[in-house]
């Protein structure tokens, strides 16, 4: 059954025009303004459901960017601690929280190369790891920005639908009040 169903009232016409009633959400006898308000509220509810799913996605992306940023900070700190500043040297540095750094990178599909059974990485592996983490952060940040814009658009649509419903109800109430005022 559609949200708003128009029903012709049998044997009732005014100046030859058949009269109709409306069924809104399965409730007969509702007027057209109530039908419009119900439609706007249903639209609001649908948008709200989409908004919740998008908000969850944005939270997941933000968490990923944050965790990758923490991994990058640990790799940068290890890189800064290298004693020899020659890019060709084979020196290495210990990555603080190496197990967490490695586990977090793996969680997001990035393989960091540590020396066997240690939290140490060579200069070249630190540089490679930093580049991969930075690339992943950039991609995820761009996706996060796009999702945030889409989420803001959904919020705007939801607010507009709710405002429309409120405006319809207010106009209907004003019209009823005016009619009652004219009768009295």
N, C-alpha and C. Protein backbone atom coordinates (compact mmCIF):
# COMPACT_ATOMS: atom_id res chain seq x y z
N UNK A 1 0.85 -1.18 0.00
CA UNK A 1 0.00 0.00 0.00
C UNK A 1 0.90 1.24 0.00
N UNK A 2 0.60 2.18 -0.89
CA UNK A 2 1.40 3.41 -0.90
C UNK A 2 1.19 4.22 0.37
N UNK A 3 2.10 5.13 0.62
CA UNK A 3 2.01 5.97 1.81
C UNK A 3 0.70 6.76 1.82
N UNK A 4 0.36 7.35 0.69
CA UNK A 4 -0.86 8.14 0.58
C UNK A 4 -1.74 7.48 -0.48
N UNK A 5 -2.90 7.00 -0.08
CA UNK A 5 -3.82 6.39 -1.03
C UNK A 5 -5.07 7.24 -1.10
N UNK A 6 -5.50 7.57 -2.32
CA UNK A 6 -6.70 8.38 -2.53
C UNK A 6 -7.89 7.45 -2.73
N UNK A 7 -8.96 7.69 -1.98
CA UNK A 7 -10.16 6.86 -2.05
C UNK A 7 -11.34 7.73 -2.46
N UNK A 8 -12.03 7.36 -3.54
CA UNK A 8 -13.23 8.08 -3.96
C UNK A 8 -14.39 7.66 -3.05
N UNK A 9 -15.11 8.63 -2.54
CA UNK A 9 -16.24 8.36 -1.65
C UNK A 9 -17.48 8.13 -2.53
N UNK A 10 -18.03 6.93 -2.45
CA UNK A 10 -19.19 6.57 -3.28
C UNK A 10 -20.39 7.46 -2.96
N UNK A 11 -21.10 7.83 -4.02
CA UNK A 11 -22.35 8.59 -3.92
C UNK A 11 -22.20 9.94 -3.23
N UNK A 12 -21.00 10.52 -3.30
CA UNK A 12 -20.84 11.84 -2.69
C UNK A 12 -20.12 12.74 -3.69
N UNK A 13 -20.81 13.81 -4.06
CA UNK A 13 -20.19 14.78 -4.95
C UNK A 13 -20.67 16.17 -4.56
N UNK A 14 -19.83 17.13 -4.81
CA UNK A 14 -20.17 18.52 -4.55
C UNK A 14 -20.08 19.23 -5.89
N UNK A 15 -21.25 19.76 -6.36
CA UNK A 15 -21.34 20.41 -7.65
C UNK A 15 -20.77 19.52 -8.76
N UNK A 16 -21.05 18.21 -8.66
CA UNK A 16 -20.64 17.27 -9.69
C UNK A 16 -19.21 16.78 -9.58
N UNK A 17 -18.49 17.22 -8.55
CA UNK A 17 -17.11 16.79 -8.36
C UNK A 17 -17.10 15.70 -7.30
N UNK A 18 -16.63 14.52 -7.68
CA UNK A 18 -16.55 13.42 -6.72
C UNK A 18 -15.63 13.82 -5.58
N UNK A 19 -16.03 13.42 -4.38
CA UNK A 19 -15.23 13.74 -3.20
C UNK A 19 -14.32 12.55 -2.87
N UNK A 20 -13.19 12.86 -2.31
CA UNK A 20 -12.21 11.81 -2.00
C UNK A 20 -11.79 11.91 -0.54
N UNK A 21 -11.32 10.79 -0.05
CA UNK A 21 -10.68 10.78 1.27
C UNK A 21 -9.30 10.17 1.06
N UNK A 22 -8.50 10.28 2.06
CA UNK A 22 -7.13 9.79 1.94
C UNK A 22 -6.87 8.75 3.02
N UNK A 23 -6.07 7.77 2.66
CA UNK A 23 -5.60 6.79 3.62
C UNK A 23 -4.10 7.01 3.74
N UNK A 24 -3.66 7.30 4.95
CA UNK A 24 -2.24 7.57 5.19
C UNK A 24 -1.72 6.51 6.15
N UNK A 25 -0.71 5.78 5.71
CA UNK A 25 -0.11 4.74 6.56
C UNK A 25 -1.17 3.79 7.12
N UNK A 26 -2.16 3.45 6.30
CA UNK A 26 -3.17 2.50 6.73
C UNK A 26 -4.28 3.10 7.58
N UNK A 27 -4.28 4.41 7.80
CA UNK A 27 -5.32 5.06 8.60
C UNK A 27 -6.20 5.88 7.68
N UNK A 28 -7.47 5.44 7.54
CA UNK A 28 -8.35 6.16 6.63
C UNK A 28 -8.85 7.44 7.28
N UNK A 29 -9.32 8.34 6.44
CA UNK A 29 -9.88 9.59 6.93
C UNK A 29 -8.85 10.68 7.22
N UNK A 30 -7.61 10.42 6.96
CA UNK A 30 -6.60 11.46 7.17
C UNK A 30 -6.71 12.49 6.07
N UNK A 31 -6.40 13.72 6.39
CA UNK A 31 -6.46 14.75 5.36
C UNK A 31 -5.13 14.83 4.61
N UNK A 32 -5.17 15.59 3.53
CA UNK A 32 -4.02 15.66 2.65
C UNK A 32 -2.80 16.25 3.34
N UNK A 33 -3.00 17.26 4.19
CA UNK A 33 -1.85 17.85 4.88
C UNK A 33 -1.22 16.84 5.83
N UNK A 34 -2.05 16.01 6.47
CA UNK A 34 -1.49 14.96 7.33
C UNK A 34 -0.71 13.96 6.50
N UNK A 35 -1.21 13.69 5.29
CA UNK A 35 -0.51 12.77 4.40
C UNK A 35 0.85 13.33 4.01
N UNK A 36 0.87 14.62 3.68
CA UNK A 36 2.16 15.24 3.32
C UNK A 36 3.11 15.24 4.51
N UNK A 37 2.60 15.55 5.68
CA UNK A 37 3.44 15.54 6.88
C UNK A 37 3.98 14.14 7.14
N UNK A 38 3.10 13.12 6.99
CA UNK A 38 3.54 11.74 7.20
C UNK A 38 4.61 11.35 6.19
N UNK A 39 4.43 11.76 4.94
CA UNK A 39 5.43 11.46 3.92
C UNK A 39 6.76 12.12 4.25
N UNK A 40 6.72 13.37 4.68
CA UNK A 40 7.96 14.07 5.03
C UNK A 40 8.62 13.42 6.23
N UNK A 41 7.84 13.00 7.20
CA UNK A 41 8.42 12.32 8.38
C UNK A 41 8.99 10.96 8.02
N UNK A 42 8.32 10.25 7.10
CA UNK A 42 8.86 8.96 6.66
C UNK A 42 10.18 9.18 5.92
N UNK A 43 10.23 10.23 5.11
CA UNK A 43 11.48 10.55 4.41
C UNK A 43 12.57 10.87 5.43
N UNK A 44 12.22 11.61 6.46
CA UNK A 44 13.17 11.94 7.52
C UNK A 44 13.71 10.68 8.18
N UNK A 45 12.82 9.74 8.48
CA UNK A 45 13.24 8.49 9.12
C UNK A 45 14.17 7.68 8.21
N UNK A 46 13.86 7.64 6.92
CA UNK A 46 14.72 6.92 5.98
C UNK A 46 16.10 7.55 5.88
N UNK A 47 16.13 8.85 5.84
CA UNK A 47 17.42 9.56 5.77
C UNK A 47 18.19 9.35 7.07
N UNK A 48 17.48 9.35 8.19
CA UNK A 48 18.12 9.14 9.49
C UNK A 48 18.81 7.78 9.54
N UNK A 49 18.17 6.75 8.98
CA UNK A 49 18.78 5.42 8.95
C UNK A 49 20.06 5.43 8.11
N UNK A 50 20.03 6.12 6.97
CA UNK A 50 21.24 6.23 6.14
C UNK A 50 22.32 7.02 6.85
N UNK A 51 21.89 8.04 7.57
CA UNK A 51 22.84 8.89 8.29
C UNK A 51 23.59 8.09 9.34
N UNK A 52 22.88 7.22 10.05
CA UNK A 52 23.53 6.40 11.08
C UNK A 52 24.59 5.49 10.48
N UNK A 53 24.28 4.87 9.34
CA UNK A 53 25.25 3.99 8.69
C UNK A 53 26.47 4.79 8.22
N UNK A 54 26.24 5.96 7.64
CA UNK A 54 27.35 6.80 7.19
C UNK A 54 28.18 7.28 8.37
N UNK A 55 27.52 7.63 9.46
CA UNK A 55 28.25 8.10 10.64
C UNK A 55 29.17 7.00 11.17
N UNK A 56 28.70 5.77 11.15
CA UNK A 56 29.55 4.65 11.58
C UNK A 56 30.75 4.49 10.66
N UNK A 57 30.54 4.62 9.36
CA UNK A 57 31.64 4.53 8.41
C UNK A 57 32.66 5.63 8.64
N UNK A 58 32.18 6.84 8.88
CA UNK A 58 33.08 7.97 9.14
C UNK A 58 33.90 7.71 10.40
N UNK A 59 33.29 7.16 11.44
CA UNK A 59 34.02 6.85 12.67
C UNK A 59 35.11 5.81 12.42
N UNK A 60 34.79 4.79 11.64
CA UNK A 60 35.79 3.75 11.33
C UNK A 60 36.95 4.35 10.56
N UNK A 61 36.65 5.18 9.57
CA UNK A 61 37.72 5.81 8.79
C UNK A 61 38.57 6.74 9.66
N UNK A 62 37.93 7.49 10.52
CA UNK A 62 38.67 8.41 11.40
C UNK A 62 39.59 7.62 12.33
N UNK A 63 39.09 6.50 12.83
CA UNK A 63 39.91 5.65 13.72
C UNK A 63 41.12 5.11 12.96
N UNK A 64 40.90 4.70 11.71
CA UNK A 64 42.01 4.18 10.90
C UNK A 64 43.06 5.26 10.68
N UNK A 65 42.64 6.46 10.33
CA UNK A 65 43.58 7.57 10.13
C UNK A 65 44.35 7.84 11.41
N UNK A 66 43.65 7.82 12.54
CA UNK A 66 44.30 8.07 13.84
C UNK A 66 45.34 6.99 14.14
N UNK A 67 44.98 5.73 13.95
CA UNK A 67 45.92 4.65 14.24
C UNK A 67 47.12 4.68 13.30
N UNK A 68 46.87 4.94 12.02
CA UNK A 68 48.00 5.05 11.08
C UNK A 68 48.89 6.23 11.44
N UNK A 69 48.31 7.30 11.93
CA UNK A 69 49.10 8.44 12.39
C UNK A 69 49.99 8.08 13.57
N UNK A 70 49.47 7.25 14.49
CA UNK A 70 50.28 6.80 15.62
C UNK A 70 51.43 5.91 15.15
N UNK A 71 51.15 5.04 14.16
CA UNK A 71 52.21 4.20 13.59
C UNK A 71 53.27 5.08 12.95
N UNK A 72 52.81 6.08 12.20
CA UNK A 72 53.75 7.00 11.54
C UNK A 72 54.61 7.72 12.57
N UNK A 73 54.03 8.13 13.67
CA UNK A 73 54.78 8.83 14.72
C UNK A 73 55.88 7.92 15.27
N UNK A 74 55.57 6.66 15.50
CA UNK A 74 56.58 5.73 16.03
C UNK A 74 57.70 5.49 15.02
N UNK A 75 57.33 5.34 13.75
CA UNK A 75 58.35 5.15 12.71
C UNK A 75 59.21 6.40 12.55
N UNK A 76 58.60 7.56 12.62
CA UNK A 76 59.35 8.81 12.50
C UNK A 76 60.30 9.00 13.67
N UNK A 77 59.84 8.64 14.86
CA UNK A 77 60.70 8.75 16.04
C UNK A 77 61.91 7.82 15.90
N UNK A 78 61.66 6.60 15.40
CA UNK A 78 62.77 5.65 15.20
C UNK A 78 63.72 6.18 14.13
N UNK A 79 63.17 6.74 13.06
CA UNK A 79 64.01 7.27 11.98
C UNK A 79 64.88 8.43 12.49
N UNK A 80 64.29 9.28 13.31
CA UNK A 80 65.03 10.42 13.86
C UNK A 80 66.16 9.98 14.79
N UNK A 81 66.04 8.79 15.35
CA UNK A 81 67.06 8.31 16.29
C UNK A 81 68.26 7.66 15.59
N UNK A 82 68.20 7.53 14.27
CA UNK A 82 69.33 6.94 13.55
C UNK A 82 70.56 7.81 13.75
N UNK A 83 71.66 7.16 14.04
CA UNK A 83 72.88 7.90 14.33
C UNK A 83 73.56 8.41 13.06
N UNK A 84 73.70 7.58 12.08
CA UNK A 84 74.38 7.94 10.85
C UNK A 84 73.35 8.60 9.92
N UNK A 85 73.69 9.76 9.41
CA UNK A 85 72.74 10.49 8.58
C UNK A 85 72.92 10.20 7.08
N UNK A 86 73.77 9.23 6.76
CA UNK A 86 74.00 8.84 5.37
C UNK A 86 72.85 7.95 4.91
N UNK A 87 72.19 8.33 3.85
CA UNK A 87 71.02 7.59 3.37
C UNK A 87 71.38 6.18 2.90
N UNK A 88 72.64 5.97 2.56
CA UNK A 88 73.06 4.65 2.07
C UNK A 88 73.52 3.73 3.18
N UNK A 89 73.62 4.24 4.39
CA UNK A 89 74.12 3.38 5.48
C UNK A 89 73.09 2.31 5.81
N UNK A 90 73.57 1.23 6.35
CA UNK A 90 72.70 0.11 6.71
C UNK A 90 72.36 0.13 8.18
N UNK A 91 72.43 1.31 8.81
CA UNK A 91 72.15 1.36 10.24
C UNK A 91 70.68 1.08 10.51
N UNK A 92 70.37 0.79 11.76
CA UNK A 92 68.99 0.47 12.12
C UNK A 92 68.63 1.17 13.42
N UNK A 93 67.32 1.19 13.70
CA UNK A 93 66.81 1.82 14.91
C UNK A 93 65.70 0.94 15.48
N UNK A 94 65.52 1.07 16.78
CA UNK A 94 64.46 0.33 17.45
C UNK A 94 63.17 1.14 17.40
N UNK A 95 62.10 0.48 16.99
CA UNK A 95 60.78 1.11 16.94
C UNK A 95 60.09 0.84 18.27
N UNK A 96 59.77 1.92 19.00
CA UNK A 96 59.04 1.75 20.26
C UNK A 96 57.68 1.10 19.96
N UNK A 97 57.23 0.25 20.86
CA UNK A 97 55.96 -0.46 20.67
C UNK A 97 55.94 -1.21 19.34
N UNK A 98 57.07 -1.84 19.02
CA UNK A 98 57.22 -2.51 17.73
C UNK A 98 56.13 -3.52 17.42
N UNK A 99 55.73 -4.32 18.42
CA UNK A 99 54.70 -5.32 18.17
C UNK A 99 53.37 -4.65 17.80
N UNK A 100 53.02 -3.58 18.54
CA UNK A 100 51.77 -2.87 18.24
C UNK A 100 51.84 -2.20 16.87
N UNK A 101 52.98 -1.57 16.58
CA UNK A 101 53.17 -0.90 15.29
C UNK A 101 53.01 -1.90 14.16
N UNK A 102 53.68 -3.05 14.29
CA UNK A 102 53.60 -4.07 13.24
C UNK A 102 52.18 -4.62 13.12
N UNK A 103 51.54 -4.92 14.25
CA UNK A 103 50.18 -5.45 14.23
C UNK A 103 49.19 -4.48 13.62
N UNK A 104 49.33 -3.20 13.97
CA UNK A 104 48.41 -2.18 13.43
C UNK A 104 48.62 -2.01 11.93
N UNK A 105 49.87 -1.99 11.50
CA UNK A 105 50.15 -1.88 10.06
C UNK A 105 49.57 -3.08 9.32
N UNK A 106 49.76 -4.28 9.85
CA UNK A 106 49.21 -5.48 9.22
C UNK A 106 47.69 -5.45 9.17
N UNK A 107 47.08 -4.92 10.22
CA UNK A 107 45.61 -4.81 10.27
C UNK A 107 45.08 -4.03 9.07
N UNK A 108 45.86 -3.08 8.59
CA UNK A 108 45.44 -2.26 7.46
C UNK A 108 46.16 -2.65 6.16
N UNK A 109 46.71 -3.86 6.13
CA UNK A 109 47.29 -4.40 4.91
C UNK A 109 48.67 -3.89 4.55
N UNK A 110 49.40 -3.37 5.52
CA UNK A 110 50.74 -2.84 5.27
C UNK A 110 51.75 -3.72 6.00
N UNK A 111 52.72 -4.22 5.25
CA UNK A 111 53.74 -5.09 5.83
C UNK A 111 55.00 -4.27 6.08
N UNK A 112 55.38 -4.19 7.36
CA UNK A 112 56.63 -3.53 7.73
C UNK A 112 57.69 -4.60 7.91
N UNK A 113 58.90 -4.29 7.51
CA UNK A 113 59.97 -5.29 7.57
C UNK A 113 60.88 -4.97 8.76
N UNK A 114 60.79 -5.82 9.78
CA UNK A 114 61.63 -5.71 10.98
C UNK A 114 62.76 -6.72 10.86
N UNK A 115 63.84 -6.48 11.59
CA UNK A 115 64.89 -7.48 11.70
C UNK A 115 64.32 -8.66 12.48
N UNK A 116 64.80 -9.83 12.19
CA UNK A 116 64.25 -11.06 12.78
C UNK A 116 64.23 -10.99 14.31
N UNK A 117 63.07 -11.27 14.88
CA UNK A 117 62.86 -11.37 16.33
C UNK A 117 63.23 -10.10 17.10
N UNK A 118 63.11 -8.95 16.46
CA UNK A 118 63.41 -7.69 17.14
C UNK A 118 62.38 -6.64 16.75
N UNK A 119 62.50 -5.49 17.39
CA UNK A 119 61.67 -4.34 17.01
C UNK A 119 62.52 -3.35 16.23
N UNK A 120 63.63 -3.83 15.65
CA UNK A 120 64.54 -2.99 14.90
C UNK A 120 64.21 -3.01 13.42
N UNK A 121 64.39 -1.85 12.79
CA UNK A 121 64.21 -1.72 11.34
C UNK A 121 65.41 -0.99 10.76
N UNK A 122 65.79 -1.39 9.55
CA UNK A 122 66.88 -0.69 8.88
C UNK A 122 66.36 0.64 8.35
N UNK A 123 67.31 1.51 8.02
CA UNK A 123 66.96 2.83 7.48
C UNK A 123 66.06 2.68 6.25
N UNK A 124 66.43 1.83 5.31
CA UNK A 124 65.64 1.70 4.08
C UNK A 124 64.24 1.15 4.38
N UNK A 125 64.14 0.21 5.31
CA UNK A 125 62.82 -0.32 5.66
C UNK A 125 61.97 0.71 6.42
N UNK A 126 62.62 1.54 7.24
CA UNK A 126 61.89 2.63 7.90
C UNK A 126 61.34 3.61 6.88
N UNK A 127 62.18 3.98 5.89
CA UNK A 127 61.74 4.91 4.86
C UNK A 127 60.59 4.32 4.04
N UNK A 128 60.73 3.05 3.68
CA UNK A 128 59.69 2.37 2.90
C UNK A 128 58.40 2.30 3.72
N UNK A 129 58.52 1.94 4.98
CA UNK A 129 57.34 1.86 5.85
C UNK A 129 56.65 3.20 6.00
N UNK A 130 57.44 4.26 6.19
CA UNK A 130 56.87 5.60 6.31
C UNK A 130 56.11 5.99 5.04
N UNK A 131 56.69 5.68 3.89
CA UNK A 131 56.03 6.00 2.62
C UNK A 131 54.71 5.26 2.47
N UNK A 132 54.70 3.97 2.82
CA UNK A 132 53.47 3.18 2.70
C UNK A 132 52.41 3.66 3.68
N UNK A 133 52.82 3.97 4.90
CA UNK A 133 51.86 4.46 5.90
C UNK A 133 51.32 5.81 5.47
N UNK A 134 52.18 6.70 4.97
CA UNK A 134 51.73 8.02 4.52
C UNK A 134 50.74 7.90 3.37
N UNK A 135 51.02 7.00 2.43
CA UNK A 135 50.11 6.80 1.31
C UNK A 135 48.74 6.31 1.81
N UNK A 136 48.75 5.33 2.72
CA UNK A 136 47.50 4.80 3.27
C UNK A 136 46.73 5.89 4.02
N UNK A 137 47.46 6.73 4.76
CA UNK A 137 46.82 7.83 5.48
C UNK A 137 46.19 8.83 4.51
N UNK A 138 46.90 9.15 3.43
CA UNK A 138 46.38 10.10 2.44
C UNK A 138 45.10 9.57 1.78
N UNK A 139 45.14 8.30 1.39
CA UNK A 139 43.96 7.69 0.76
C UNK A 139 42.78 7.70 1.73
N UNK A 140 43.04 7.28 2.95
CA UNK A 140 41.95 7.20 3.93
C UNK A 140 41.46 8.60 4.32
N UNK A 141 42.35 9.57 4.39
CA UNK A 141 41.93 10.95 4.69
C UNK A 141 41.04 11.50 3.59
N UNK A 142 41.40 11.23 2.34
CA UNK A 142 40.55 11.67 1.22
C UNK A 142 39.17 11.01 1.28
N UNK A 143 39.15 9.70 1.55
CA UNK A 143 37.86 9.01 1.67
C UNK A 143 37.06 9.56 2.84
N UNK A 144 37.74 9.86 3.93
CA UNK A 144 37.07 10.42 5.10
C UNK A 144 36.45 11.78 4.78
N UNK A 145 37.17 12.61 4.04
CA UNK A 145 36.63 13.91 3.66
C UNK A 145 35.39 13.76 2.77
N UNK A 146 35.45 12.84 1.82
CA UNK A 146 34.30 12.62 0.93
C UNK A 146 33.10 12.10 1.72
N UNK A 147 33.34 11.17 2.63
CA UNK A 147 32.25 10.63 3.45
C UNK A 147 31.68 11.69 4.37
N UNK A 148 32.52 12.56 4.88
CA UNK A 148 32.05 13.64 5.76
C UNK A 148 31.15 14.60 4.99
N UNK A 149 31.54 14.92 3.76
CA UNK A 149 30.70 15.79 2.93
C UNK A 149 29.36 15.11 2.64
N UNK A 150 29.39 13.82 2.31
CA UNK A 150 28.15 13.09 2.05
C UNK A 150 27.28 13.05 3.30
N UNK A 151 27.90 12.86 4.46
CA UNK A 151 27.16 12.84 5.72
C UNK A 151 26.51 14.19 5.99
N UNK A 152 27.24 15.26 5.73
CA UNK A 152 26.68 16.60 5.91
C UNK A 152 25.48 16.81 4.98
N UNK A 153 25.58 16.29 3.76
CA UNK A 153 24.47 16.38 2.82
C UNK A 153 23.24 15.63 3.33
N UNK A 154 23.47 14.45 3.92
CA UNK A 154 22.35 13.69 4.49
C UNK A 154 21.72 14.44 5.66
N UNK A 155 22.56 15.03 6.50
CA UNK A 155 22.02 15.82 7.61
C UNK A 155 21.15 16.96 7.09
N UNK A 156 21.60 17.61 6.04
CA UNK A 156 20.86 18.72 5.45
C UNK A 156 19.52 18.23 4.89
N UNK A 157 19.54 17.11 4.17
CA UNK A 157 18.29 16.55 3.63
C UNK A 157 17.34 16.16 4.75
N UNK A 158 17.87 15.56 5.79
CA UNK A 158 17.03 15.17 6.93
C UNK A 158 16.39 16.39 7.57
N UNK A 159 17.19 17.42 7.79
CA UNK A 159 16.67 18.64 8.41
C UNK A 159 15.61 19.30 7.53
N UNK A 160 15.83 19.30 6.22
CA UNK A 160 14.85 19.88 5.29
C UNK A 160 13.54 19.10 5.32
N UNK A 161 13.62 17.77 5.33
CA UNK A 161 12.41 16.95 5.36
C UNK A 161 11.65 17.17 6.66
N UNK A 162 12.37 17.24 7.77
CA UNK A 162 11.70 17.48 9.04
C UNK A 162 11.08 18.87 9.08
N UNK A 163 11.77 19.86 8.56
CA UNK A 163 11.23 21.23 8.50
C UNK A 163 9.99 21.29 7.64
N UNK A 164 9.99 20.55 6.54
CA UNK A 164 8.82 20.50 5.68
C UNK A 164 7.63 19.93 6.43
N UNK A 165 7.83 18.83 7.14
CA UNK A 165 6.75 18.22 7.92
C UNK A 165 6.24 19.19 8.98
N UNK A 166 7.15 19.85 9.67
CA UNK A 166 6.75 20.80 10.72
C UNK A 166 5.98 21.98 10.12
N UNK A 167 6.43 22.45 8.96
CA UNK A 167 5.77 23.58 8.30
C UNK A 167 4.35 23.19 7.88
N UNK A 168 4.18 21.98 7.35
CA UNK A 168 2.86 21.52 6.93
C UNK A 168 1.92 21.43 8.12
N UNK A 169 2.41 20.84 9.20
CA UNK A 169 1.58 20.71 10.41
C UNK A 169 1.22 22.09 10.96
N UNK A 170 2.19 23.00 10.98
CA UNK A 170 1.93 24.35 11.48
C UNK A 170 0.89 25.08 10.62
N UNK A 171 1.01 24.96 9.29
CA UNK A 171 0.04 25.62 8.40
C UNK A 171 -1.35 25.01 8.56
N UNK A 172 -1.40 23.70 8.72
CA UNK A 172 -2.69 23.03 8.92
C UNK A 172 -3.31 23.48 10.23
N UNK A 173 -2.51 23.59 11.27
CA UNK A 173 -2.99 24.05 12.57
C UNK A 173 -3.46 25.51 12.49
N UNK A 174 -2.69 26.34 11.79
CA UNK A 174 -3.09 27.75 11.63
C UNK A 174 -4.41 27.86 10.87
N UNK A 175 -4.57 27.04 9.82
CA UNK A 175 -5.81 27.08 9.04
C UNK A 175 -6.99 26.64 9.89
N UNK A 176 -6.79 25.60 10.69
CA UNK A 176 -7.87 25.13 11.57
C UNK A 176 -8.23 26.19 12.60
N UNK A 177 -7.23 26.81 13.18
CA UNK A 177 -7.47 27.86 14.17
C UNK A 177 -8.22 29.03 13.55
N UNK A 178 -7.83 29.39 12.34
CA UNK A 178 -8.48 30.50 11.64
C UNK A 178 -9.94 30.16 11.34
N UNK A 179 -10.18 28.95 10.91
CA UNK A 179 -11.55 28.52 10.60
C UNK A 179 -12.41 28.54 11.85
N UNK A 180 -11.88 28.01 12.94
CA UNK A 180 -12.62 28.00 14.21
C UNK A 180 -12.86 29.43 14.68
N UNK A 181 -11.89 30.28 14.51
CA UNK A 181 -12.03 31.69 14.91
C UNK A 181 -13.10 32.40 14.09
N UNK A 182 -13.22 32.06 12.82
CA UNK A 182 -14.24 32.67 11.96
C UNK A 182 -15.63 32.17 12.28
N UNK A 183 -15.74 30.94 12.77
CA UNK A 183 -17.04 30.37 13.13
C UNK A 183 -17.57 31.00 14.39
N UNK A 184 -16.68 31.22 15.35
CA UNK A 184 -17.10 31.75 16.66
C UNK A 184 -17.40 33.17 16.61
